[in-house]
Amino acid sequence: MTSTVKRVLQVTAPLAFVLVASAADMPGLDQWSSAQLKEFEQSLAPKLSPQKVASQTIARYGNHSMLVAHREGNGQGEFHITQADLIVVQTGEATILIGGELVDGRSTSATEMIGTSVRGGVEKSLRPGDMLHIPAKTPHQMIVQAGKQITYVTVKIDTPQ
């Protein structure tokens, strides 16, 4: 090994250690393995609501949060005034209606509305590995065919009003 190479290693090796140690202690750095996400899915299935959905928030950060959801039936129409949704499908399949009009919408909070359905939306198929971004102020509804199910992670991102 040349003296130049040795000198570079002497200088950079401690720096690399500091970078690895810093990343390990970084606030807000979290990771969920596919096995952990599967455990969430299995824990949610027995907790289905009468609408055949169960969800659990797994983390909250400054302007966003993450949740795991499991559905075995259709969702209601939704409309988030200040949040975009980023959906990553883990297992199963569904169709999502995006856009159009929220039917019989009613406020559930100052920034959320739900309705019986979405009318006139564009249909998108969802399958494992798919990602979908739904902007704030966009009606959407998850449709799950009888006998089917879907589990997905949603990142809810606060957006400026």
C-alpha atoms as a PDB file:
ATOM      1  CA  MET A   1       0.000   0.000   0.000  1.00  0.00           C
ATOM      2  CA  THR A   2       1.397   3.398  -0.898  1.00  0.00           C
ATOM      3  CA  SER A   3       1.831   6.073   1.707  1.00  0.00           C
ATOM      4  CA  THR A   4      -0.788   8.208  -0.033  1.00  0.00           C
ATOM      5  CA  VAL A   5      -3.381   5.438   0.168  1.00  0.00           C
ATOM      6  CA  LYS A   6      -2.540   4.832   3.821  1.00  0.00           C
ATOM      7  CA  ARG A   7      -2.906   8.534   4.561  1.00  0.00           C
ATOM      8  CA  VAL A   8      -6.295   8.697   2.793  1.00  0.00           C
ATOM      9  CA  LEU A   9      -7.498   5.694   4.815  1.00  0.00           C
ATOM     10  CA  GLN A  10      -6.225   7.235   8.060  1.00  0.00           C
ATOM     11  CA  VAL A  11      -8.183  10.416   7.340  1.00  0.00           C
ATOM     12  CA  THR A  12     -11.367   8.922   5.858  1.00  0.00           C
ATOM     13  CA  ALA A  13     -11.889   5.838   8.051  1.00  0.00           C
ATOM     14  CA  PRO A  14     -12.756   7.851  11.197  1.00  0.00           C
ATOM     15  CA  LEU A  15     -14.992  10.116   9.095  1.00  0.00           C
ATOM     16  CA  ALA A  16     -16.867   7.094   7.709  1.00  0.00           C
ATOM     17  CA  PHE A  17     -17.403   5.828  11.270  1.00  0.00           C
ATOM     18  CA  VAL A  18     -18.781   9.218  12.334  1.00  0.00           C
ATOM     19  CA  LEU A  19     -21.178   9.253   9.360  1.00  0.00           C
ATOM     20  CA  VAL A  20     -22.445   5.725  10.127  1.00  0.00           C
ATOM     21  CA  ALA A  21     -22.801   6.498  13.836  1.00  0.00           C
ATOM     22  CA  SER A  22     -24.612   9.760  13.057  1.00  0.00           C
ATOM     23  CA  ALA A  23     -27.073   8.033  10.733  1.00  0.00           C
ATOM     24  CA  ALA A  24     -27.854   5.418  13.388  1.00  0.00           C
ATOM     25  CA  ASP A  25     -28.666   8.133  15.940  1.00  0.00           C
ATOM     26  CA  MET A  26     -30.493  10.450  13.545  1.00  0.00           C
ATOM     27  CA  PRO A  27     -33.806  11.647  15.029  1.00  0.00           C
ATOM     28  CA  GLY A  28     -36.779  10.593  12.935  1.00  0.00           C
ATOM     29  CA  LEU A  29     -34.900   7.841  11.120  1.00  0.00           C
ATOM     30  CA  ASP A  30     -37.151   4.783  11.240  1.00  0.00           C
ATOM     31  CA  GLN A  31     -37.330   1.619   9.196  1.00  0.00           C
ATOM     32  CA  TRP A  32     -39.998  -1.072   8.926  1.00  0.00           C
ATOM     33  CA  SER A  33     -39.025  -4.381   7.365  1.00  0.00           C
ATOM     34  CA  SER A  34     -41.370  -6.255   5.075  1.00  0.00           C
ATOM     35  CA  ALA A  35     -41.788  -8.780   7.907  1.00  0.00           C
ATOM     36  CA  GLN A  36     -42.861  -6.006  10.298  1.00  0.00           C
ATOM     37  CA  LEU A  37     -45.356  -4.667   7.754  1.00  0.00           C
ATOM     38  CA  LYS A  38     -46.727  -8.199   7.358  1.00  0.00           C
ATOM     39  CA  GLU A  39     -47.182  -8.361  11.148  1.00  0.00           C
ATOM     40  CA  PHE A  40     -49.165  -5.103  11.006  1.00  0.00           C
ATOM     41  CA  GLU A  41     -51.344  -6.614   8.276  1.00  0.00           C
ATOM     42  CA  GLN A  42     -51.996  -9.756  10.326  1.00  0.00           C
ATOM     43  CA  SER A  43     -52.765  -7.739  13.459  1.00  0.00           C
ATOM     44  CA  LEU A  44     -55.251  -5.501  11.604  1.00  0.00           C
ATOM     45  CA  ALA A  45     -57.308  -8.210   9.878  1.00  0.00           C
ATOM     46  CA  PRO A  46     -59.139  -9.304  13.071  1.00  0.00           C
ATOM     47  CA  LYS A  47     -59.941  -5.662  13.962  1.00  0.00           C
ATOM     48  CA  LEU A  48     -62.068  -4.834  10.912  1.00  0.00           C
ATOM     49  CA  SER A  49     -64.802  -2.240  11.378  1.00  0.00           C
ATOM     50  CA  PRO A  50     -68.338  -2.827  10.062  1.00  0.00           C
ATOM     51  CA  GLN A  51     -67.056  -1.175   6.839  1.00  0.00           C
ATOM     52  CA  LYS A  52     -64.386  -3.937   6.698  1.00  0.00           C
ATOM     53  CA  VAL A  53     -61.400  -1.638   7.249  1.00  0.00           C
ATOM     54  CA  ALA A  54     -58.784  -1.358   9.980  1.00  0.00           C
ATOM     55  CA  SER A  55     -55.827   1.010  10.166  1.00  0.00           C
ATOM     56  CA  GLN A  56     -53.076   1.941  12.557  1.00  0.00           C
ATOM     57  CA  THR A  57     -50.857   5.013  12.567  1.00  0.00           C
ATOM     58  CA  ILE A  58     -47.268   3.798  12.885  1.00  0.00           C
ATOM     59  CA  ALA A  59     -45.410   7.137  13.012  1.00  0.00           C
ATOM     60  CA  ARG A  60     -45.900  10.898  13.120  1.00  0.00           C
ATOM     61  CA  TYR A  61     -43.302  13.411  11.996  1.00  0.00           C
ATOM     62  CA  GLY A  62     -43.364  17.181  11.460  1.00  0.00           C
ATOM     63  CA  ASN A  63     -45.518  17.545   8.332  1.00  0.00           C
ATOM     64  CA  HIS A  64     -46.442  13.911   7.692  1.00  0.00           C
ATOM     65  CA  SER A  65     -47.573  10.681   9.276  1.00  0.00           C
ATOM     66  CA  MET A  66     -47.633   7.042   8.226  1.00  0.00           C
ATOM     67  CA  LEU A  67     -50.330   4.437   8.650  1.00  0.00           C
ATOM     68  CA  VAL A  68     -50.952   0.841   7.642  1.00  0.00           C
ATOM     69  CA  ALA A  69     -54.467  -0.003   6.449  1.00  0.00           C
ATOM     70  CA  HIS A  70     -56.177  -3.295   5.637  1.00  0.00           C
ATOM     71  CA  ARG A  71     -59.456  -3.415   3.695  1.00  0.00           C
ATOM     72  CA  GLU A  72     -61.781  -6.241   2.805  1.00  0.00           C
ATOM     73  CA  GLY A  73     -64.608  -3.971   1.644  1.00  0.00           C
ATOM     74  CA  ASN A  74     -65.227  -0.654  -0.068  1.00  0.00           C
ATOM     75  CA  GLY A  75     -64.142   2.540   1.602  1.00  0.00           C
ATOM     76  CA  GLN A  76     -66.190   5.689   1.875  1.00  0.00           C
ATOM     77  CA  GLY A  77     -65.536   8.638  -0.364  1.00  0.00           C
ATOM     78  CA  GLU A  78     -62.840  10.859   1.166  1.00  0.00           C
ATOM     79  CA  PHE A  79     -61.697  14.438   0.688  1.00  0.00           C
ATOM     80  CA  HIS A  80     -58.699  15.865   2.572  1.00  0.00           C
ATOM     81  CA  ILE A  81     -58.435  19.657   2.436  1.00  0.00           C
ATOM     82  CA  THR A  82     -54.865  19.924   3.727  1.00  0.00           C
ATOM     83  CA  GLN A  83     -53.318  16.474   3.238  1.00  0.00           C
ATOM     84  CA  ALA A  84     -52.011  14.588   0.230  1.00  0.00           C
ATOM     85  CA  ASP A  85     -51.913  10.782   0.398  1.00  0.00           C
ATOM     86  CA  LEU A  86     -49.013   8.682  -0.871  1.00  0.00           C
ATOM     87  CA  ILE A  87     -50.170   5.053  -0.993  1.00  0.00           C
ATOM     88  CA  VAL A  88     -47.860   2.030  -1.339  1.00  0.00           C
ATOM     89  CA  VAL A  89     -49.670  -1.286  -1.832  1.00  0.00           C
ATOM     90  CA  GLN A  90     -48.259  -4.189   0.184  1.00  0.00           C
ATOM     91  CA  THR A  91     -50.629  -7.060  -0.647  1.00  0.00           C
ATOM     92  CA  GLY A  92     -53.939  -7.662  -2.387  1.00  0.00           C
ATOM     93  CA  GLU A  93     -55.684  -5.574  -4.980  1.00  0.00           C
ATOM     94  CA  ALA A  94     -58.343  -2.903  -5.338  1.00  0.00           C
ATOM     95  CA  THR A  95     -59.587  -0.151  -7.582  1.00  0.00           C
ATOM     96  CA  ILE A  96     -59.457   3.459  -6.489  1.00  0.00           C
ATOM     97  CA  LEU A  97     -61.700   6.205  -7.836  1.00  0.00           C
ATOM     98  CA  ILE A  98     -59.901   9.544  -7.975  1.00  0.00           C
ATOM     99  CA  GLY A  99     -61.367  12.950  -8.786  1.00  0.00           C
ATOM    100  CA  GLY A 100     -64.962  13.606  -9.640  1.00  0.00           C
ATOM    101  CA  GLU A 101     -67.405  14.516  -6.909  1.00  0.00           C
ATOM    102  CA  LEU A 102     -67.824  13.438  -3.292  1.00  0.00           C
ATOM    103  CA  VAL A 103     -71.422  12.170  -2.884  1.00  0.00           C
ATOM    104  CA  ASP A 104     -73.302  13.225   0.281  1.00  0.00           C
ATOM    105  CA  GLY A 105     -70.130  14.733   1.742  1.00  0.00           C
ATOM    106  CA  ARG A 106     -70.050  15.782   5.383  1.00  0.00           C
ATOM    107  CA  SER A 107     -67.276  17.242   7.497  1.00  0.00           C
ATOM    108  CA  THR A 108     -65.601  14.965  10.016  1.00  0.00           C
ATOM    109  CA  SER A 109     -63.137  17.688  11.054  1.00  0.00           C
ATOM    110  CA  ALA A 110     -62.077  21.156   9.930  1.00  0.00           C
ATOM    111  CA  THR A 111     -59.890  19.583   7.221  1.00  0.00           C
ATOM    112  CA  GLU A 112     -61.632  16.293   6.315  1.00  0.00           C
ATOM    113  CA  MET A 113     -64.835  15.201   4.628  1.00  0.00           C
ATOM    114  CA  ILE A 114     -66.302  11.776   3.965  1.00  0.00           C
ATOM    115  CA  GLY A 115     -69.197  10.777   1.749  1.00  0.00           C
ATOM    116  CA  THR A 116     -71.092   7.710   0.644  1.00  0.00           C
ATOM    117  CA  SER A 117     -69.054   7.438  -2.572  1.00  0.00           C
ATOM    118  CA  VAL A 118     -67.227   9.262  -5.343  1.00  0.00           C
ATOM    119  CA  ARG A 119     -69.054   9.949  -8.606  1.00  0.00           C
ATOM    120  CA  GLY A 120     -67.307  10.585 -11.907  1.00  0.00           C
ATOM    121  CA  GLY A 121     -63.785   9.728 -10.762  1.00  0.00           C
ATOM    122  CA  VAL A 122     -61.059   8.077 -12.808  1.00  0.00           C
ATOM    123  CA  GLU A 123     -60.515   4.386 -11.968  1.00  0.00           C
ATOM    124  CA  LYS A 124     -56.992   3.168 -11.194  1.00  0.00           C
ATOM    125  CA  SER A 125     -56.079  -0.457 -10.412  1.00  0.00           C
ATOM    126  CA  LEU A 126     -53.861  -1.070  -7.400  1.00  0.00           C
ATOM    127  CA  ARG A 127     -51.633  -4.128  -7.000  1.00  0.00           C
ATOM    128  CA  PRO A 128     -48.671  -5.058  -4.746  1.00  0.00           C
ATOM    129  CA  GLY A 129     -45.735  -2.712  -5.213  1.00  0.00           C
ATOM    130  CA  ASP A 130     -47.848   0.064  -6.784  1.00  0.00           C
ATOM    131  CA  MET A 131     -47.510   3.624  -5.496  1.00  0.00           C
ATOM    132  CA  LEU A 132     -50.119   6.332  -5.895  1.00  0.00           C
ATOM    133  CA  HIS A 133     -50.034  10.024  -4.959  1.00  0.00           C
ATOM    134  CA  ILE A 134     -53.385  11.713  -4.349  1.00  0.00           C
ATOM    135  CA  PRO A 135     -53.156  15.504  -4.051  1.00  0.00           C
ATOM    136  CA  ALA A 136     -55.010  17.383  -1.305  1.00  0.00           C
ATOM    137  CA  LYS A 137     -58.541  18.488  -2.231  1.00  0.00           C
ATOM    138  CA  THR A 138     -59.048  15.440  -4.468  1.00  0.00           C
ATOM    139  CA  PRO A 139     -62.032  13.131  -3.825  1.00  0.00           C
ATOM    140  CA  HIS A 140     -61.085   9.446  -3.712  1.00  0.00           C
ATOM    141  CA  GLN A 141     -62.592   6.093  -2.772  1.00  0.00           C
ATOM    142  CA  MET A 142     -61.093   2.603  -2.473  1.00  0.00           C
ATOM    143  CA  ILE A 143     -63.205  -0.162  -4.056  1.00  0.00           C
ATOM    144  CA  VAL A 144     -62.467  -3.765  -3.011  1.00  0.00           C
ATOM    145  CA  GLN A 145     -64.265  -6.546  -4.877  1.00  0.00           C
ATOM    146  CA  ALA A 146     -66.098  -9.183  -2.839  1.00  0.00           C
ATOM    147  CA  GLY A 147     -63.715 -11.867  -1.609  1.00  0.00           C
ATOM    148  CA  LYS A 148     -60.652  -9.653  -2.187  1.00  0.00           C
ATOM    149  CA  GLN A 149     -58.526  -7.629   0.225  1.00  0.00           C
ATOM    150  CA  ILE A 150     -55.796  -5.000   0.132  1.00  0.00           C
ATOM    151  CA  THR A 151     -53.174  -3.858   2.637  1.00  0.00           C
ATOM    152  CA  TYR A 152     -51.260  -0.644   2.061  1.00  0.00           C
ATOM    153  CA  VAL A 153     -49.116   1.980   3.723  1.00  0.00           C
ATOM    154  CA  THR A 154     -50.268   5.584   3.437  1.00  0.00           C
ATOM    155  CA  VAL A 155     -48.035   8.560   4.041  1.00  0.00           C
ATOM    156  CA  LYS A 156     -50.299  11.518   4.864  1.00  0.00           C
ATOM    157  CA  ILE A 157     -48.479  14.729   3.924  1.00  0.00           C
ATOM    158  CA  ASP A 158     -49.619  18.100   5.270  1.00  0.00           C
ATOM    159  CA  THR A 159     -49.756  20.660   2.469  1.00  0.00           C
ATOM    160  CA  PRO A 160     -50.002  24.451   2.568  1.00  0.00           C
ATOM    161  CA  GLN A 161     -53.584  25.720   2.415  1.00  0.00           C
END
